[in-house]
Amino acid sequence: VCAVIFTIFVGTYFSASIGGAVAFL
């Protein structure tokens, strides 16, 4: 869950496509 939160923030900051990573986590 912490990794989801971290991925959301990092993905937004770097404008990365994070949907798959968030779904997996």
mmCIF file of all heavy atoms, coordinates in Angstrom:
data_MODEL
# 
_entry.id   MODEL 
# 
loop_
_atom_site.group_PDB 
_atom_site.id 
_atom_site.type_symbol 
_atom_site.label_atom_id 
_atom_site.label_alt_id 
_atom_site.label_comp_id 
_atom_site.label_asym_id 
_atom_site.label_entity_id 
_atom_site.label_seq_id 
_atom_site.pdbx_PDB_ins_code 
_atom_site.Cartn_x 
_atom_site.Cartn_y 
_atom_site.Cartn_z 
_atom_site.occupancy 
_atom_site.B_iso_or_equiv 
_atom_site.pdbx_formal_charge 
_atom_site.auth_seq_id 
_atom_site.auth_comp_id 
_atom_site.auth_asym_id 
_atom_site.auth_atom_id 
_atom_site.pdbx_PDB_model_num 
ATOM 1   N N   . VAL A 1 1  ? 0.850  -1.199 0.000   1.00 0.00 ? 1  VAL A N   1 
ATOM 2   C CA  . VAL A 1 1  ? 0.000  0.000  0.000   1.00 0.00 ? 1  VAL A CA  1 
ATOM 3   C C   . VAL A 1 1  ? 0.882  1.244  0.000   1.00 0.00 ? 1  VAL A C   1 
ATOM 4   O O   . VAL A 1 1  ? 0.623  2.204  -0.752  1.00 0.00 ? 1  VAL A O   1 
ATOM 5   C CB  . VAL A 1 1  ? -0.966 0.002  1.204   1.00 0.00 ? 1  VAL A CB  1 
ATOM 6   C CG1 . VAL A 1 1  ? -1.686 1.338  1.321   1.00 0.00 ? 1  VAL A CG1 1 
ATOM 7   C CG2 . VAL A 1 1  ? -1.980 -1.131 1.070   1.00 0.00 ? 1  VAL A CG2 1 
ATOM 8   N N   . CYS A 1 2  ? 1.933  1.234  0.806   1.00 0.00 ? 2  CYS A N   1 
ATOM 9   C CA  . CYS A 1 2  ? 2.880  2.362  0.801   1.00 0.00 ? 2  CYS A CA  1 
ATOM 10  C C   . CYS A 1 2  ? 3.527  2.521  -0.576  1.00 0.00 ? 2  CYS A C   1 
ATOM 11  O O   . CYS A 1 2  ? 3.720  3.640  -1.057  1.00 0.00 ? 2  CYS A O   1 
ATOM 12  C CB  . CYS A 1 2  ? 3.948  2.169  1.868   1.00 0.00 ? 2  CYS A CB  1 
ATOM 13  S SG  . CYS A 1 2  ? 3.340  2.334  3.553   1.00 0.00 ? 2  CYS A SG  1 
ATOM 14  N N   . ALA A 1 3  ? 3.833  1.401  -1.201  1.00 0.00 ? 3  ALA A N   1 
ATOM 15  C CA  . ALA A 1 3  ? 4.423  1.450  -2.542  1.00 0.00 ? 3  ALA A CA  1 
ATOM 16  C C   . ALA A 1 3  ? 3.444  2.040  -3.547  1.00 0.00 ? 3  ALA A C   1 
ATOM 17  O O   . ALA A 1 3  ? 3.851  2.765  -4.475  1.00 0.00 ? 3  ALA A O   1 
ATOM 18  C CB  . ALA A 1 3  ? 4.875  0.052  -2.976  1.00 0.00 ? 3  ALA A CB  1 
ATOM 19  N N   . VAL A 1 4  ? 2.139  1.755  -3.389  1.00 0.00 ? 4  VAL A N   1 
ATOM 20  C CA  . VAL A 1 4  ? 1.119  2.360  -4.258  1.00 0.00 ? 4  VAL A CA  1 
ATOM 21  C C   . VAL A 1 4  ? 1.160  3.875  -4.112  1.00 0.00 ? 4  VAL A C   1 
ATOM 22  O O   . VAL A 1 4  ? 1.200  4.609  -5.103  1.00 0.00 ? 4  VAL A O   1 
ATOM 23  C CB  . VAL A 1 4  ? -0.294 1.819  -3.925  1.00 0.00 ? 4  VAL A CB  1 
ATOM 24  C CG1 . VAL A 1 4  ? -1.383 2.691  -4.548  1.00 0.00 ? 4  VAL A CG1 1 
ATOM 25  C CG2 . VAL A 1 4  ? -0.451 0.385  -4.390  1.00 0.00 ? 4  VAL A CG2 1 
ATOM 26  N N   . ILE A 1 5  ? 1.144  4.332  -2.879  1.00 0.00 ? 5  ILE A N   1 
ATOM 27  C CA  . ILE A 1 5  ? 1.149  5.775  -2.611  1.00 0.00 ? 5  ILE A CA  1 
ATOM 28  C C   . ILE A 1 5  ? 2.412  6.415  -3.187  1.00 0.00 ? 5  ILE A C   1 
ATOM 29  O O   . ILE A 1 5  ? 2.353  7.449  -3.877  1.00 0.00 ? 5  ILE A O   1 
ATOM 30  C CB  . ILE A 1 5  ? 1.019  6.047  -1.105  1.00 0.00 ? 5  ILE A CB  1 
ATOM 31  C CG1 . ILE A 1 5  ? -0.340 5.539  -0.599  1.00 0.00 ? 5  ILE A CG1 1 
ATOM 32  C CG2 . ILE A 1 5  ? 1.191  7.532  -0.791  1.00 0.00 ? 5  ILE A CG2 1 
ATOM 33  C CD1 . ILE A 1 5  ? -0.454 5.428  0.912   1.00 0.00 ? 5  ILE A CD1 1 
ATOM 34  N N   . PHE A 1 6  ? 3.548  5.791  -2.938  1.00 0.00 ? 6  PHE A N   1 
ATOM 35  C CA  . PHE A 1 6  ? 4.815  6.304  -3.458  1.00 0.00 ? 6  PHE A CA  1 
ATOM 36  C C   . PHE A 1 6  ? 4.808  6.351  -4.983  1.00 0.00 ? 6  PHE A C   1 
ATOM 37  O O   . PHE A 1 6  ? 5.218  7.343  -5.589  1.00 0.00 ? 6  PHE A O   1 
ATOM 38  C CB  . PHE A 1 6  ? 5.967  5.429  -2.952  1.00 0.00 ? 6  PHE A CB  1 
ATOM 39  C CG  . PHE A 1 6  ? 7.311  5.847  -3.453  1.00 0.00 ? 6  PHE A CG  1 
ATOM 40  C CD1 . PHE A 1 6  ? 7.968  6.930  -2.899  1.00 0.00 ? 6  PHE A CD1 1 
ATOM 41  C CD2 . PHE A 1 6  ? 7.921  5.159  -4.492  1.00 0.00 ? 6  PHE A CD2 1 
ATOM 42  C CE1 . PHE A 1 6  ? 9.212  7.320  -3.362  1.00 0.00 ? 6  PHE A CE1 1 
ATOM 43  C CE2 . PHE A 1 6  ? 9.163  5.539  -4.969  1.00 0.00 ? 6  PHE A CE2 1 
ATOM 44  C CZ  . PHE A 1 6  ? 9.817  6.629  -4.399  1.00 0.00 ? 6  PHE A CZ  1 
ATOM 45  N N   . THR A 1 7  ? 4.320  5.282  -5.608  1.00 0.00 ? 7  THR A N   1 
ATOM 46  C CA  . THR A 1 7  ? 4.293  5.204  -7.071  1.00 0.00 ? 7  THR A CA  1 
ATOM 47  C C   . THR A 1 7  ? 3.391  6.289  -7.653  1.00 0.00 ? 7  THR A C   1 
ATOM 48  O O   . THR A 1 7  ? 3.730  6.902  -8.684  1.00 0.00 ? 7  THR A O   1 
ATOM 49  C CB  . THR A 1 7  ? 3.820  3.806  -7.529  1.00 0.00 ? 7  THR A CB  1 
ATOM 50  O OG1 . THR A 1 7  ? 4.704  2.832  -6.978  1.00 0.00 ? 7  THR A OG1 1 
ATOM 51  C CG2 . THR A 1 7  ? 3.798  3.683  -9.035  1.00 0.00 ? 7  THR A CG2 1 
ATOM 52  N N   . ILE A 1 8  ? 2.259  6.545  -7.006  1.00 0.00 ? 8  ILE A N   1 
ATOM 53  C CA  . ILE A 1 8  ? 1.365  7.600  -7.482  1.00 0.00 ? 8  ILE A CA  1 
ATOM 54  C C   . ILE A 1 8  ? 2.078  8.950  -7.462  1.00 0.00 ? 8  ILE A C   1 
ATOM 55  O O   . ILE A 1 8  ? 2.038  9.714  -8.440  1.00 0.00 ? 8  ILE A O   1 
ATOM 56  C CB  . ILE A 1 8  ? 0.068  7.639  -6.647  1.00 0.00 ? 8  ILE A CB  1 
ATOM 57  C CG1 . ILE A 1 8  ? -0.799 6.409  -6.948  1.00 0.00 ? 8  ILE A CG1 1 
ATOM 58  C CG2 . ILE A 1 8  ? -0.718 8.920  -6.912  1.00 0.00 ? 8  ILE A CG2 1 
ATOM 59  C CD1 . ILE A 1 8  ? -1.984 6.242  -6.006  1.00 0.00 ? 8  ILE A CD1 1 
ATOM 60  N N   . PHE A 1 9  ? 2.759  9.252  -6.369  1.00 0.00 ? 9  PHE A N   1 
ATOM 61  C CA  . PHE A 1 9  ? 3.451  10.538 -6.271  1.00 0.00 ? 9  PHE A CA  1 
ATOM 62  C C   . PHE A 1 9  ? 4.615  10.635 -7.256  1.00 0.00 ? 9  PHE A C   1 
ATOM 63  O O   . PHE A 1 9  ? 4.762  11.640 -7.953  1.00 0.00 ? 9  PHE A O   1 
ATOM 64  C CB  . PHE A 1 9  ? 3.942  10.783 -4.837  1.00 0.00 ? 9  PHE A CB  1 
ATOM 65  C CG  . PHE A 1 9  ? 2.888  11.357 -3.955  1.00 0.00 ? 9  PHE A CG  1 
ATOM 66  C CD1 . PHE A 1 9  ? 2.184  10.545 -3.081  1.00 0.00 ? 9  PHE A CD1 1 
ATOM 67  C CD2 . PHE A 1 9  ? 2.564  12.703 -4.007  1.00 0.00 ? 9  PHE A CD2 1 
ATOM 68  C CE1 . PHE A 1 9  ? 1.194  11.056 -2.270  1.00 0.00 ? 9  PHE A CE1 1 
ATOM 69  C CE2 . PHE A 1 9  ? 1.568  13.234 -3.208  1.00 0.00 ? 9  PHE A CE2 1 
ATOM 70  C CZ  . PHE A 1 9  ? 0.877  12.413 -2.325  1.00 0.00 ? 9  PHE A CZ  1 
ATOM 71  N N   . VAL A 1 10 ? 5.437  9.611  -7.318  1.00 0.00 ? 10 VAL A N   1 
ATOM 72  C CA  . VAL A 1 10 ? 6.592  9.644  -8.217  1.00 0.00 ? 10 VAL A CA  1 
ATOM 73  C C   . VAL A 1 10 ? 6.136  9.681  -9.671  1.00 0.00 ? 10 VAL A C   1 
ATOM 74  O O   . VAL A 1 10 ? 6.682  10.428 -10.494 1.00 0.00 ? 10 VAL A O   1 
ATOM 75  C CB  . VAL A 1 10 ? 7.528  8.439  -7.955  1.00 0.00 ? 10 VAL A CB  1 
ATOM 76  C CG1 . VAL A 1 10 ? 8.579  8.305  -9.034  1.00 0.00 ? 10 VAL A CG1 1 
ATOM 77  C CG2 . VAL A 1 10 ? 8.190  8.589  -6.591  1.00 0.00 ? 10 VAL A CG2 1 
ATOM 78  N N   . GLY A 1 11 ? 5.131  8.873  -10.000 1.00 0.00 ? 11 GLY A N   1 
ATOM 79  C CA  . GLY A 1 11 ? 4.615  8.850  -11.364 1.00 0.00 ? 11 GLY A CA  1 
ATOM 80  C C   . GLY A 1 11 ? 4.088  10.194 -11.805 1.00 0.00 ? 11 GLY A C   1 
ATOM 81  O O   . GLY A 1 11 ? 4.277  10.609 -12.950 1.00 0.00 ? 11 GLY A O   1 
ATOM 82  N N   . THR A 1 12 ? 3.421  10.889 -10.897 1.00 0.00 ? 12 THR A N   1 
ATOM 83  C CA  . THR A 1 12 ? 2.895  12.217 -11.223 1.00 0.00 ? 12 THR A CA  1 
ATOM 84  C C   . THR A 1 12 ? 4.034  13.218 -11.392 1.00 0.00 ? 12 THR A C   1 
ATOM 85  O O   . THR A 1 12 ? 4.043  14.020 -12.321 1.00 0.00 ? 12 THR A O   1 
ATOM 86  C CB  . THR A 1 12 ? 1.926  12.692 -10.122 1.00 0.00 ? 12 THR A CB  1 
ATOM 87  O OG1 . THR A 1 12 ? 0.853  11.770 -10.047 1.00 0.00 ? 12 THR A OG1 1 
ATOM 88  C CG2 . THR A 1 12 ? 1.389  14.068 -10.432 1.00 0.00 ? 12 THR A CG2 1 
ATOM 89  N N   . TYR A 1 13 ? 5.000  13.147 -10.498 1.00 0.00 ? 13 TYR A N   1 
ATOM 90  C CA  . TYR A 1 13 ? 6.114  14.099 -10.549 1.00 0.00 ? 13 TYR A CA  1 
ATOM 91  C C   . TYR A 1 13 ? 6.934  13.938 -11.830 1.00 0.00 ? 13 TYR A C   1 
ATOM 92  O O   . TYR A 1 13 ? 7.354  14.923 -12.428 1.00 0.00 ? 13 TYR A O   1 
ATOM 93  C CB  . TYR A 1 13 ? 7.000  13.933 -9.312  1.00 0.00 ? 13 TYR A CB  1 
ATOM 94  C CG  . TYR A 1 13 ? 8.026  15.026 -9.180  1.00 0.00 ? 13 TYR A CG  1 
ATOM 95  C CD1 . TYR A 1 13 ? 7.641  16.292 -8.740  1.00 0.00 ? 13 TYR A CD1 1 
ATOM 96  C CD2 . TYR A 1 13 ? 9.352  14.813 -9.501  1.00 0.00 ? 13 TYR A CD2 1 
ATOM 97  C CE1 . TYR A 1 13 ? 8.559  17.310 -8.622  1.00 0.00 ? 13 TYR A CE1 1 
ATOM 98  C CE2 . TYR A 1 13 ? 10.293 15.837 -9.383  1.00 0.00 ? 13 TYR A CE2 1 
ATOM 99  C CZ  . TYR A 1 13 ? 9.879  17.079 -8.946  1.00 0.00 ? 13 TYR A CZ  1 
ATOM 100 O OH  . TYR A 1 13 ? 10.799 18.090 -8.838  1.00 0.00 ? 13 TYR A OH  1 
ATOM 101 N N   . PHE A 1 14 ? 7.136  12.713 -12.257 1.00 0.00 ? 14 PHE A N   1 
ATOM 102 C CA  . PHE A 1 14 ? 7.928  12.455 -13.453 1.00 0.00 ? 14 PHE A CA  1 
ATOM 103 C C   . PHE A 1 14 ? 7.070  12.277 -14.700 1.00 0.00 ? 14 PHE A C   1 
ATOM 104 O O   . PHE A 1 14 ? 7.582  11.908 -15.750 1.00 0.00 ? 14 PHE A O   1 
ATOM 105 C CB  . PHE A 1 14 ? 8.810  11.209 -13.263 1.00 0.00 ? 14 PHE A CB  1 
ATOM 106 C CG  . PHE A 1 14 ? 9.939  11.421 -12.300 1.00 0.00 ? 14 PHE A CG  1 
ATOM 107 C CD1 . PHE A 1 14 ? 9.886  10.893 -11.024 1.00 0.00 ? 14 PHE A CD1 1 
ATOM 108 C CD2 . PHE A 1 14 ? 11.039 12.176 -12.661 1.00 0.00 ? 14 PHE A CD2 1 
ATOM 109 C CE1 . PHE A 1 14 ? 10.925 11.091 -10.130 1.00 0.00 ? 14 PHE A CE1 1 
ATOM 110 C CE2 . PHE A 1 14 ? 12.087 12.384 -11.780 1.00 0.00 ? 14 PHE A CE2 1 
ATOM 111 C CZ  . PHE A 1 14 ? 12.030 11.848 -10.499 1.00 0.00 ? 14 PHE A CZ  1 
ATOM 112 N N   . SER A 1 15 ? 5.770  12.509 -14.577 1.00 0.00 ? 15 SER A N   1 
ATOM 113 C CA  . SER A 1 15 ? 4.833  12.359 -15.689 1.00 0.00 ? 15 SER A CA  1 
ATOM 114 C C   . SER A 1 15 ? 4.975  10.993 -16.360 1.00 0.00 ? 15 SER A C   1 
ATOM 115 O O   . SER A 1 15 ? 5.013  10.885 -17.582 1.00 0.00 ? 15 SER A O   1 
ATOM 116 C CB  . SER A 1 15 ? 5.026  13.483 -16.712 1.00 0.00 ? 15 SER A CB  1 
ATOM 117 O OG  . SER A 1 15 ? 4.802  14.737 -16.118 1.00 0.00 ? 15 SER A OG  1 
ATOM 118 N N   . ALA A 1 16 ? 5.073  9.960  -15.555 1.00 0.00 ? 16 ALA A N   1 
ATOM 119 C CA  . ALA A 1 16 ? 5.251  8.603  -16.071 1.00 0.00 ? 16 ALA A CA  1 
ATOM 120 C C   . ALA A 1 16 ? 3.909  7.879  -16.107 1.00 0.00 ? 16 ALA A C   1 
ATOM 121 O O   . ALA A 1 16 ? 2.982  8.215  -15.380 1.00 0.00 ? 16 ALA A O   1 
ATOM 122 C CB  . ALA A 1 16 ? 6.226  7.840  -15.176 1.00 0.00 ? 16 ALA A CB  1 
ATOM 123 N N   . SER A 1 17 ? 3.834  6.874  -16.940 1.00 0.00 ? 17 SER A N   1 
ATOM 124 C CA  . SER A 1 17 ? 2.657  6.018  -17.013 1.00 0.00 ? 17 SER A CA  1 
ATOM 125 C C   . SER A 1 17 ? 2.773  4.977  -15.893 1.00 0.00 ? 17 SER A C   1 
ATOM 126 O O   . SER A 1 17 ? 3.649  4.110  -15.936 1.00 0.00 ? 17 SER A O   1 
ATOM 127 C CB  . SER A 1 17 ? 2.586  5.337  -18.372 1.00 0.00 ? 17 SER A CB  1 
ATOM 128 O OG  . SER A 1 17 ? 1.500  4.447  -18.408 1.00 0.00 ? 17 SER A OG  1 
ATOM 129 N N   . ILE A 1 18 ? 1.902  5.078  -14.905 1.00 0.00 ? 18 ILE A N   1 
ATOM 130 C CA  . ILE A 1 18 ? 2.036  4.249  -13.710 1.00 0.00 ? 18 ILE A CA  1 
ATOM 131 C C   . ILE A 1 18 ? 0.859  3.315  -13.478 1.00 0.00 ? 18 ILE A C   1 
ATOM 132 O O   . ILE A 1 18 ? 0.831  2.581  -12.499 1.00 0.00 ? 18 ILE A O   1 
ATOM 133 C CB  . ILE A 1 18 ? 2.225  5.125  -12.455 1.00 0.00 ? 18 ILE A CB  1 
ATOM 134 C CG1 . ILE A 1 18 ? 1.026  6.067  -12.305 1.00 0.00 ? 18 ILE A CG1 1 
ATOM 135 C CG2 . ILE A 1 18 ? 3.539  5.871  -12.498 1.00 0.00 ? 18 ILE A CG2 1 
ATOM 136 C CD1 . ILE A 1 18 ? 0.929  6.733  -10.959 1.00 0.00 ? 18 ILE A CD1 1 
ATOM 137 N N   . GLY A 1 19 ? -0.109 3.339  -14.370 1.00 0.00 ? 19 GLY A N   1 
ATOM 138 C CA  . GLY A 1 19 ? -1.333 2.564  -14.164 1.00 0.00 ? 19 GLY A CA  1 
ATOM 139 C C   . GLY A 1 19 ? -1.063 1.095  -13.898 1.00 0.00 ? 19 GLY A C   1 
ATOM 140 O O   . GLY A 1 19 ? -1.624 0.505  -12.962 1.00 0.00 ? 19 GLY A O   1 
ATOM 141 N N   . GLY A 1 20 ? -0.220 0.487  -14.700 1.00 0.00 ? 20 GLY A N   1 
ATOM 142 C CA  . GLY A 1 20 ? 0.084  -0.938 -14.521 1.00 0.00 ? 20 GLY A CA  1 
ATOM 143 C C   . GLY A 1 20 ? 0.777  -1.216 -13.204 1.00 0.00 ? 20 GLY A C   1 
ATOM 144 O O   . GLY A 1 20 ? 0.452  -2.193 -12.514 1.00 0.00 ? 20 GLY A O   1 
ATOM 145 N N   . ALA A 1 21 ? 1.721  -0.362 -12.838 1.00 0.00 ? 21 ALA A N   1 
ATOM 146 C CA  . ALA A 1 21 ? 2.455  -0.548 -11.586 1.00 0.00 ? 21 ALA A CA  1 
ATOM 147 C C   . ALA A 1 21 ? 1.525  -0.394 -10.383 1.00 0.00 ? 21 ALA A C   1 
ATOM 148 O O   . ALA A 1 21 ? 1.575  -1.196 -9.437  1.00 0.00 ? 21 ALA A O   1 
ATOM 149 C CB  . ALA A 1 21 ? 3.614  0.440  -11.485 1.00 0.00 ? 21 ALA A CB  1 
ATOM 150 N N   . VAL A 1 22 ? 0.658  0.614  -10.430 1.00 0.00 ? 22 VAL A N   1 
ATOM 151 C CA  . VAL A 1 22 ? -0.271 0.834  -9.326  1.00 0.00 ? 22 VAL A CA  1 
ATOM 152 C C   . VAL A 1 22 ? -1.234 -0.346 -9.210  1.00 0.00 ? 22 VAL A C   1 
ATOM 153 O O   . VAL A 1 22 ? -1.497 -0.836 -8.104  1.00 0.00 ? 22 VAL A O   1 
ATOM 154 C CB  . VAL A 1 22 ? -1.036 2.167  -9.490  1.00 0.00 ? 22 VAL A CB  1 
ATOM 155 C CG1 . VAL A 1 22 ? -2.195 2.268  -8.509  1.00 0.00 ? 22 VAL A CG1 1 
ATOM 156 C CG2 . VAL A 1 22 ? -0.081 3.344  -9.312  1.00 0.00 ? 22 VAL A CG2 1 
ATOM 157 N N   . ALA A 1 23 ? -1.736 -0.824 -10.328 1.00 0.00 ? 23 ALA A N   1 
ATOM 158 C CA  . ALA A 1 23 ? -2.655 -1.970 -10.314 1.00 0.00 ? 23 ALA A CA  1 
ATOM 159 C C   . ALA A 1 23 ? -1.961 -3.201 -9.743  1.00 0.00 ? 23 ALA A C   1 
ATOM 160 O O   . ALA A 1 23 ? -2.540 -3.919 -8.912  1.00 0.00 ? 23 ALA A O   1 
ATOM 161 C CB  . ALA A 1 23 ? -3.174 -2.253 -11.722 1.00 0.00 ? 23 ALA A CB  1 
ATOM 162 N N   . PHE A 1 24 ? -0.733 -3.464 -10.171 1.00 0.00 ? 24 PHE A N   1 
ATOM 163 C CA  . PHE A 1 24 ? 0.014  -4.623 -9.664  1.00 0.00 ? 24 PHE A CA  1 
ATOM 164 C C   . PHE A 1 24 ? 0.252  -4.510 -8.159  1.00 0.00 ? 24 PHE A C   1 
ATOM 165 O O   . PHE A 1 24 ? 0.024  -5.467 -7.406  1.00 0.00 ? 24 PHE A O   1 
ATOM 166 C CB  . PHE A 1 24 ? 1.353  -4.775 -10.396 1.00 0.00 ? 24 PHE A CB  1 
ATOM 167 C CG  . PHE A 1 24 ? 2.236  -5.819 -9.790  1.00 0.00 ? 24 PHE A CG  1 
ATOM 168 C CD1 . PHE A 1 24 ? 2.025  -7.163 -10.060 1.00 0.00 ? 24 PHE A CD1 1 
ATOM 169 C CD2 . PHE A 1 24 ? 3.270  -5.465 -8.927  1.00 0.00 ? 24 PHE A CD2 1 
ATOM 170 C CE1 . PHE A 1 24 ? 2.824  -8.143 -9.488  1.00 0.00 ? 24 PHE A CE1 1 
ATOM 171 C CE2 . PHE A 1 24 ? 4.076  -6.429 -8.349  1.00 0.00 ? 24 PHE A CE2 1 
ATOM 172 C CZ  . PHE A 1 24 ? 3.853  -7.766 -8.635  1.00 0.00 ? 24 PHE A CZ  1 
ATOM 173 N N   . LEU A 1 25 ? 0.715  -3.349 -7.715  1.00 0.00 ? 25 LEU A N   1 
ATOM 174 C CA  . LEU A 1 25 ? 1.020  -3.162 -6.293  1.00 0.00 ? 25 LEU A CA  1 
ATOM 175 C C   . LEU A 1 25 ? -0.242 -3.263 -5.432  1.00 0.00 ? 25 LEU A C   1 
ATOM 176 O O   . LEU A 1 25 ? -0.226 -3.855 -4.356  1.00 0.00 ? 25 LEU A O   1 
ATOM 177 C CB  . LEU A 1 25 ? 1.712  -1.815 -6.073  1.00 0.00 ? 25 LEU A CB  1 
ATOM 178 C CG  . LEU A 1 25 ? 3.125  -1.703 -6.648  1.00 0.00 ? 25 LEU A CG  1 
ATOM 179 C CD1 . LEU A 1 25 ? 3.594  -0.248 -6.627  1.00 0.00 ? 25 LEU A CD1 1 
ATOM 180 C CD2 . LEU A 1 25 ? 4.084  -2.601 -5.896  1.00 0.00 ? 25 LEU A CD2 1 
# 
